[in-house]
Amino acid sequence: MLVLRIAEAEVNVAALQREFLLKRVERRQAETLIQETEARDAIEAERRSQQGLDDWYGNRLHREQSEGEQAGSAVGRPATGIAVTQGDGQATDKT
């Protein structure tokens, strides 16, 4: 009678071990998928961050160029100031 119960217990233990191993494999697969997803998300976040910095820098350069062109066009305008003679006899434009 004990031999029969021992054999039954061994069968139950083997079934529990298989179930445990299957669950462990399933958990590891899920962990791997989560890690891969987190890595992809981190890469995508870094790309978005870098794109934002690139856009900001490009807009800043564009704005500086626009301001420089506006200042450059002001240089070509006729002066409205008064010419003043310095002590050495040379005329300078006073604006």
N, C-alpha and C. Protein backbone atom coordinates (compact mmCIF):
# COMPACT_ATOMS: atom_id res chain seq x y z
N MET A 1 0.81 -1.20 0.00
CA MET A 1 0.00 0.00 0.00
C MET A 1 0.85 1.26 0.00
N LEU A 2 1.95 1.25 0.75
CA LEU A 2 2.85 2.41 0.77
C LEU A 2 3.51 2.61 -0.59
N VAL A 3 3.85 1.53 -1.25
CA VAL A 3 4.49 1.62 -2.56
C VAL A 3 3.55 2.33 -3.53
N LEU A 4 2.29 2.04 -3.45
CA LEU A 4 1.30 2.68 -4.32
C LEU A 4 1.20 4.18 -4.01
N ARG A 5 1.19 4.56 -2.76
CA ARG A 5 1.12 5.98 -2.38
C ARG A 5 2.39 6.71 -2.76
N ILE A 6 3.54 6.07 -2.62
CA ILE A 6 4.81 6.70 -3.01
C ILE A 6 4.84 6.94 -4.51
N ALA A 7 4.41 6.00 -5.28
CA ALA A 7 4.37 6.15 -6.74
C ALA A 7 3.42 7.28 -7.12
N GLU A 8 2.28 7.34 -6.46
CA GLU A 8 1.31 8.42 -6.73
C GLU A 8 1.89 9.78 -6.37
N ALA A 9 2.60 9.86 -5.26
CA ALA A 9 3.24 11.11 -4.84
C ALA A 9 4.31 11.53 -5.84
N GLU A 10 5.09 10.55 -6.33
CA GLU A 10 6.13 10.87 -7.32
C GLU A 10 5.52 11.39 -8.61
N VAL A 11 4.40 10.84 -9.02
CA VAL A 11 3.71 11.33 -10.22
C VAL A 11 3.24 12.78 -10.00
N ASN A 12 2.68 13.03 -8.81
CA ASN A 12 2.23 14.39 -8.49
C ASN A 12 3.40 15.37 -8.45
N VAL A 13 4.51 14.95 -7.86
CA VAL A 13 5.71 15.79 -7.80
C VAL A 13 6.20 16.10 -9.21
N ALA A 14 6.26 15.12 -10.07
CA ALA A 14 6.72 15.32 -11.45
C ALA A 14 5.79 16.29 -12.19
N ALA A 15 4.49 16.15 -11.97
CA ALA A 15 3.54 17.05 -12.62
C ALA A 15 3.71 18.48 -12.10
N LEU A 16 3.91 18.62 -10.80
CA LEU A 16 4.13 19.95 -10.22
C LEU A 16 5.43 20.57 -10.72
N GLN A 17 6.47 19.74 -10.86
CA GLN A 17 7.74 20.24 -11.38
C GLN A 17 7.59 20.73 -12.81
N ARG A 18 6.89 19.97 -13.65
CA ARG A 18 6.65 20.40 -15.04
C ARG A 18 5.88 21.71 -15.07
N GLU A 19 4.85 21.81 -14.25
CA GLU A 19 4.04 23.03 -14.19
C GLU A 19 4.89 24.22 -13.74
N PHE A 20 5.72 23.97 -12.72
CA PHE A 20 6.61 25.03 -12.23
C PHE A 20 7.56 25.50 -13.33
N LEU A 21 8.17 24.54 -14.02
CA LEU A 21 9.12 24.89 -15.08
C LEU A 21 8.43 25.64 -16.22
N LEU A 22 7.23 25.23 -16.58
CA LEU A 22 6.48 25.93 -17.63
C LEU A 22 6.17 27.37 -17.21
N LYS A 23 5.77 27.55 -15.98
CA LYS A 23 5.48 28.90 -15.48
C LYS A 23 6.75 29.75 -15.45
N ARG A 24 7.87 29.12 -15.07
CA ARG A 24 9.13 29.87 -15.02
C ARG A 24 9.54 30.31 -16.42
N VAL A 25 9.40 29.42 -17.40
CA VAL A 25 9.72 29.77 -18.79
C VAL A 25 8.80 30.89 -19.27
N GLU A 26 7.52 30.78 -18.95
CA GLU A 26 6.54 31.80 -19.34
C GLU A 26 6.91 33.15 -18.72
N ARG A 27 7.28 33.14 -17.44
CA ARG A 27 7.66 34.38 -16.75
C ARG A 27 8.90 34.99 -17.39
N ARG A 28 9.89 34.18 -17.69
CA ARG A 28 11.11 34.69 -18.31
C ARG A 28 10.83 35.26 -19.70
N GLN A 29 9.97 34.63 -20.45
CA GLN A 29 9.60 35.16 -21.76
C GLN A 29 8.90 36.50 -21.62
N ALA A 30 8.02 36.60 -20.63
CA ALA A 30 7.32 37.87 -20.40
C ALA A 30 8.31 38.95 -19.97
N GLU A 31 9.27 38.61 -19.12
CA GLU A 31 10.29 39.57 -18.69
C GLU A 31 11.11 40.05 -19.88
N THR A 32 11.46 39.12 -20.76
CA THR A 32 12.23 39.48 -21.95
C THR A 32 11.44 40.45 -22.84
N LEU A 33 10.16 40.17 -23.03
CA LEU A 33 9.33 41.06 -23.84
C LEU A 33 9.23 42.44 -23.20
N ILE A 34 9.09 42.50 -21.89
CA ILE A 34 9.02 43.78 -21.19
C ILE A 34 10.32 44.55 -21.34
N GLN A 35 11.44 43.87 -21.17
CA GLN A 35 12.74 44.52 -21.31
C GLN A 35 12.95 45.06 -22.72
N GLU A 36 12.57 44.27 -23.72
CA GLU A 36 12.70 44.72 -25.11
C GLU A 36 11.82 45.93 -25.38
N THR A 37 10.61 45.92 -24.84
CA THR A 37 9.70 47.04 -25.02
C THR A 37 10.25 48.29 -24.34
N GLU A 38 10.76 48.13 -23.13
CA GLU A 38 11.34 49.27 -22.42
C GLU A 38 12.55 49.82 -23.16
N ALA A 39 13.37 48.95 -23.72
CA ALA A 39 14.54 49.40 -24.48
C ALA A 39 14.11 50.17 -25.72
N ARG A 40 13.09 49.66 -26.44
CA ARG A 40 12.59 50.38 -27.63
C ARG A 40 12.01 51.73 -27.24
N ASP A 41 11.26 51.76 -26.12
CA ASP A 41 10.69 53.02 -25.65
C ASP A 41 11.78 54.03 -25.29
N ALA A 42 12.84 53.54 -24.65
CA ALA A 42 13.95 54.43 -24.28
C ALA A 42 14.64 54.99 -25.52
N ILE A 43 14.84 54.15 -26.52
CA ILE A 43 15.46 54.61 -27.77
C ILE A 43 14.58 55.64 -28.45
N GLU A 44 13.28 55.38 -28.49
CA GLU A 44 12.34 56.31 -29.12
C GLU A 44 12.29 57.63 -28.37
N ALA A 45 12.32 57.58 -27.04
CA ALA A 45 12.32 58.80 -26.24
C ALA A 45 13.60 59.60 -26.51
N GLU A 46 14.72 58.93 -26.63
CA GLU A 46 15.98 59.61 -26.94
C GLU A 46 15.93 60.25 -28.32
N ARG A 47 15.34 59.55 -29.29
CA ARG A 47 15.19 60.13 -30.63
C ARG A 47 14.33 61.38 -30.60
N ARG A 48 13.19 61.29 -29.88
CA ARG A 48 12.30 62.46 -29.78
C ARG A 48 13.01 63.62 -29.09
N SER A 49 13.76 63.33 -28.05
CA SER A 49 14.50 64.37 -27.34
C SER A 49 15.52 65.02 -28.27
N GLN A 50 16.26 64.20 -28.99
CA GLN A 50 17.27 64.73 -29.91
C GLN A 50 16.61 65.53 -31.03
N GLN A 51 15.47 65.07 -31.53
CA GLN A 51 14.76 65.80 -32.58
C GLN A 51 14.30 67.15 -32.05
N GLY A 52 13.83 67.19 -30.82
CA GLY A 52 13.43 68.46 -30.20
C GLY A 52 14.60 69.42 -30.10
N LEU A 53 15.76 68.91 -29.68
CA LEU A 53 16.94 69.76 -29.60
C LEU A 53 17.37 70.24 -30.98
N ASP A 54 17.33 69.35 -31.96
CA ASP A 54 17.69 69.74 -33.33
C ASP A 54 16.74 70.83 -33.86
N ASP A 55 15.45 70.66 -33.61
CA ASP A 55 14.47 71.66 -34.04
C ASP A 55 14.71 72.99 -33.36
N TRP A 56 14.96 72.95 -32.06
CA TRP A 56 15.21 74.19 -31.31
C TRP A 56 16.44 74.90 -31.86
N TYR A 57 17.52 74.15 -32.08
CA TYR A 57 18.76 74.75 -32.58
C TYR A 57 18.56 75.31 -33.98
N GLY A 58 17.87 74.56 -34.83
CA GLY A 58 17.61 75.04 -36.19
C GLY A 58 16.76 76.29 -36.19
N ASN A 59 15.74 76.34 -35.33
CA ASN A 59 14.91 77.54 -35.23
C ASN A 59 15.72 78.72 -34.72
N ARG A 60 16.61 78.47 -33.77
CA ARG A 60 17.45 79.55 -33.24
C ARG A 60 18.36 80.10 -34.33
N LEU A 61 18.98 79.22 -35.11
CA LEU A 61 19.85 79.68 -36.19
C LEU A 61 19.05 80.47 -37.23
N HIS A 62 17.86 79.96 -37.56
CA HIS A 62 17.01 80.65 -38.53
C HIS A 62 16.64 82.04 -38.01
N ARG A 63 16.29 82.12 -36.73
CA ARG A 63 15.90 83.40 -36.13
C ARG A 63 17.10 84.36 -36.14
N GLU A 64 18.29 83.86 -35.81
CA GLU A 64 19.49 84.71 -35.81
C GLU A 64 19.81 85.19 -37.22
N GLN A 65 19.64 84.32 -38.21
CA GLN A 65 19.89 84.73 -39.59
C GLN A 65 18.90 85.80 -40.02
N SER A 66 17.63 85.61 -39.65
CA SER A 66 16.61 86.59 -40.00
C SER A 66 16.90 87.94 -39.35
N GLU A 67 17.30 87.90 -38.10
CA GLU A 67 17.64 89.15 -37.40
C GLU A 67 18.87 89.80 -38.02
N GLY A 68 19.84 88.95 -38.41
CA GLY A 68 21.05 89.47 -39.05
C GLY A 68 20.74 90.10 -40.40
N GLU A 69 19.83 89.52 -41.18
CA GLU A 69 19.44 90.09 -42.47
C GLU A 69 18.71 91.41 -42.27
N GLN A 70 17.87 91.48 -41.24
CA GLN A 70 17.16 92.72 -40.96
C GLN A 70 18.15 93.80 -40.53
N ALA A 71 19.12 93.47 -39.73
CA ALA A 71 20.13 94.44 -39.30
C ALA A 71 21.00 94.83 -40.49
N GLY A 72 21.30 93.87 -41.36
CA GLY A 72 22.11 94.16 -42.54
C GLY A 72 21.40 95.08 -43.50
N SER A 73 20.10 94.99 -43.63
CA SER A 73 19.38 95.87 -44.52
C SER A 73 19.30 97.27 -43.93
N ALA A 74 19.39 97.41 -42.63
CA ALA A 74 19.39 98.73 -42.01
C ALA A 74 20.70 99.46 -42.27
N VAL A 75 21.79 98.74 -42.48
CA VAL A 75 23.10 99.34 -42.75
C VAL A 75 23.07 100.05 -44.10
N GLY A 76 22.37 99.54 -45.06
CA GLY A 76 22.32 100.12 -46.40
C GLY A 76 21.44 101.36 -46.50
N ARG A 77 20.68 101.71 -45.49
CA ARG A 77 19.81 102.89 -45.53
C ARG A 77 20.62 104.17 -45.38
N PRO A 78 20.12 105.24 -45.93
CA PRO A 78 20.82 106.51 -45.77
C PRO A 78 20.77 106.96 -44.31
N ALA A 79 21.86 107.58 -43.86
CA ALA A 79 21.93 108.05 -42.48
C ALA A 79 21.11 109.32 -42.33
N THR A 80 20.45 109.44 -41.20
CA THR A 80 19.65 110.63 -40.93
C THR A 80 20.29 111.51 -39.88
N GLY A 81 21.51 111.15 -39.47
CA GLY A 81 22.20 111.90 -38.42
C GLY A 81 22.83 113.17 -38.98
N ILE A 82 23.49 113.92 -38.12
CA ILE A 82 24.12 115.19 -38.48
C ILE A 82 25.62 114.98 -38.50
N ALA A 83 26.27 115.49 -39.52
CA ALA A 83 27.72 115.39 -39.61
C ALA A 83 28.33 116.40 -38.66
N VAL A 84 29.27 115.94 -37.85
CA VAL A 84 29.92 116.82 -36.86
C VAL A 84 31.41 116.79 -37.15
N THR A 85 32.04 117.92 -37.08
CA THR A 85 33.48 118.00 -37.33
C THR A 85 34.20 117.81 -36.00
N GLN A 86 35.15 116.88 -36.01
CA GLN A 86 35.94 116.65 -34.81
C GLN A 86 37.07 117.67 -34.75
N GLY A 87 37.79 117.63 -33.67
CA GLY A 87 38.89 118.56 -33.48
C GLY A 87 39.97 118.44 -34.52
N ASP A 88 40.09 117.28 -35.19
CA ASP A 88 41.14 117.11 -36.20
C ASP A 88 40.66 117.48 -37.59
N GLY A 89 39.42 118.01 -37.70
CA GLY A 89 38.91 118.49 -38.97
C GLY A 89 38.16 117.42 -39.77
N GLN A 90 38.06 116.19 -39.31
CA GLN A 90 37.36 115.16 -40.03
C GLN A 90 35.90 115.15 -39.61
N ALA A 91 35.02 114.89 -40.58
CA ALA A 91 33.58 114.86 -40.29
C ALA A 91 33.19 113.45 -39.90
N THR A 92 32.35 113.32 -38.89
CA THR A 92 31.82 112.05 -38.47
C THR A 92 30.32 112.15 -38.45
N ASP A 93 29.66 111.03 -38.65
CA ASP A 93 28.19 110.99 -38.68
C ASP A 93 27.70 110.74 -37.26
N LYS A 94 26.90 111.62 -36.72
CA LYS A 94 26.36 111.49 -35.38
C LYS A 94 24.90 111.04 -35.50
N THR A 95 24.57 109.82 -35.06
CA THR A 95 23.18 109.35 -35.14
C THR A 95 22.59 109.18 -33.78
